[in-house]
């Protein structure tokens, strides 16, 4: 299950980077506090939960410091690959 979640995170961040999907769509798929609560019952690697949490911050980053959004998305990708 962990690998599937990590691959989903990679796919979403790639879609965000290429502007194929929106942050809102990414939040509906996995980057939401609801998903974090849902997955807390499965004793996941804390790094995966942290990656999802980082994804929940993307909308805030876009509205406050949009020039750092691409770097943040790339950071999530690099960290996701390191957990894989």
Protein backbone atom coordinates (compact mmCIF):
# COMPACT_ATOMS: atom_id res chain seq x y z
CA UNK A 1 0.00 0.00 0.00
CA UNK A 2 2.84 2.40 0.80
CA UNK A 3 4.37 2.03 -2.65
CA UNK A 4 1.00 2.73 -4.29
CA UNK A 5 0.59 5.91 -2.24
CA UNK A 6 4.11 7.05 -3.12
CA UNK A 7 3.47 6.41 -6.81
CA UNK A 8 0.23 8.37 -6.57
CA UNK A 9 2.12 11.28 -4.98
CA UNK A 10 4.68 11.16 -7.80
CA UNK A 11 1.97 11.15 -10.43
CA UNK A 12 0.11 14.04 -8.86
CA UNK A 13 3.23 16.15 -8.40
CA UNK A 14 4.25 15.46 -11.99
CA UNK A 15 0.79 16.52 -13.14
CA UNK A 16 1.01 19.68 -11.05
CA UNK A 17 4.45 20.53 -12.38
CA UNK A 18 3.30 20.09 -15.97
CA UNK A 19 0.05 21.96 -15.19
CA UNK A 20 -2.02 18.96 -16.26
CA UNK A 21 -3.94 19.00 -12.98
CA UNK A 22 -4.70 21.73 -10.45
CA UNK A 23 -3.79 21.88 -6.80
CA UNK A 24 -7.50 21.49 -6.04
CA UNK A 25 -7.55 18.21 -7.96
CA UNK A 26 -4.44 17.04 -6.12
CA UNK A 27 -6.15 17.84 -2.83
CA UNK A 28 -9.19 15.82 -3.85
CA UNK A 29 -6.99 12.82 -4.68
CA UNK A 30 -4.61 12.72 -1.70
CA UNK A 31 -3.32 16.06 -0.41
CA UNK A 32 -5.93 16.65 2.29
CA UNK A 33 -6.16 16.41 6.09
CA UNK A 34 -9.01 13.93 5.61
CA UNK A 35 -6.69 11.51 3.79
CA UNK A 36 -4.04 11.94 6.51
CA UNK A 37 -6.65 11.04 9.15
CA UNK A 38 -7.89 8.13 7.06
CA UNK A 39 -4.39 6.71 6.60
CA UNK A 40 -3.43 7.17 10.27
CA UNK A 41 -5.16 3.85 11.01
CA UNK A 42 -2.73 1.98 8.73
CA UNK A 43 0.54 2.63 10.58
CA UNK A 44 2.25 4.06 7.50
CA UNK A 45 5.83 5.22 7.33
CA UNK A 46 5.77 8.71 8.94
CA UNK A 47 7.67 10.04 5.92
CA UNK A 48 4.68 9.24 3.70
CA UNK A 49 2.31 11.08 6.01
CA UNK A 50 4.73 14.03 5.97
CA UNK A 51 4.77 14.04 2.16
CA UNK A 52 0.99 14.18 2.09
CA UNK A 53 1.07 16.98 4.65
CA UNK A 54 3.53 18.91 2.47
CA UNK A 55 1.07 18.52 -0.39
CA UNK A 56 -1.69 20.07 1.73
CA UNK A 57 0.43 23.23 1.94
CA UNK A 58 0.70 23.80 -1.81
CA UNK A 59 -2.40 25.99 -2.07
CA UNK A 60 -1.07 28.23 0.72
CA UNK A 61 2.30 28.45 -0.99
CA UNK A 62 0.60 29.38 -4.26
CA UNK A 63 -1.30 32.22 -2.61
CA UNK A 64 1.52 33.54 -0.39
CA UNK A 65 4.77 32.90 -2.26
CA UNK A 66 3.87 31.55 -5.73
CA UNK A 67 7.43 31.86 -7.03
CA UNK A 68 8.45 28.97 -4.75
CA UNK A 69 5.67 26.59 -5.80
CA UNK A 70 7.66 24.72 -8.46
CA UNK A 71 10.56 24.22 -6.05
CA UNK A 72 8.21 22.88 -3.38
CA UNK A 73 6.64 20.44 -5.83
CA UNK A 74 10.10 19.28 -6.93
CA UNK A 75 11.06 18.89 -3.28
CA UNK A 76 8.08 16.63 -2.69
CA UNK A 77 9.07 14.57 -5.74
CA UNK A 78 12.68 14.16 -4.59
CA UNK A 79 11.59 13.20 -1.08
CA UNK A 80 9.02 10.76 -2.47
CA UNK A 81 11.69 9.05 -4.56
CA UNK A 82 13.98 8.82 -1.53
CA UNK A 83 11.24 7.04 0.44
CA UNK A 84 10.56 4.66 -2.45
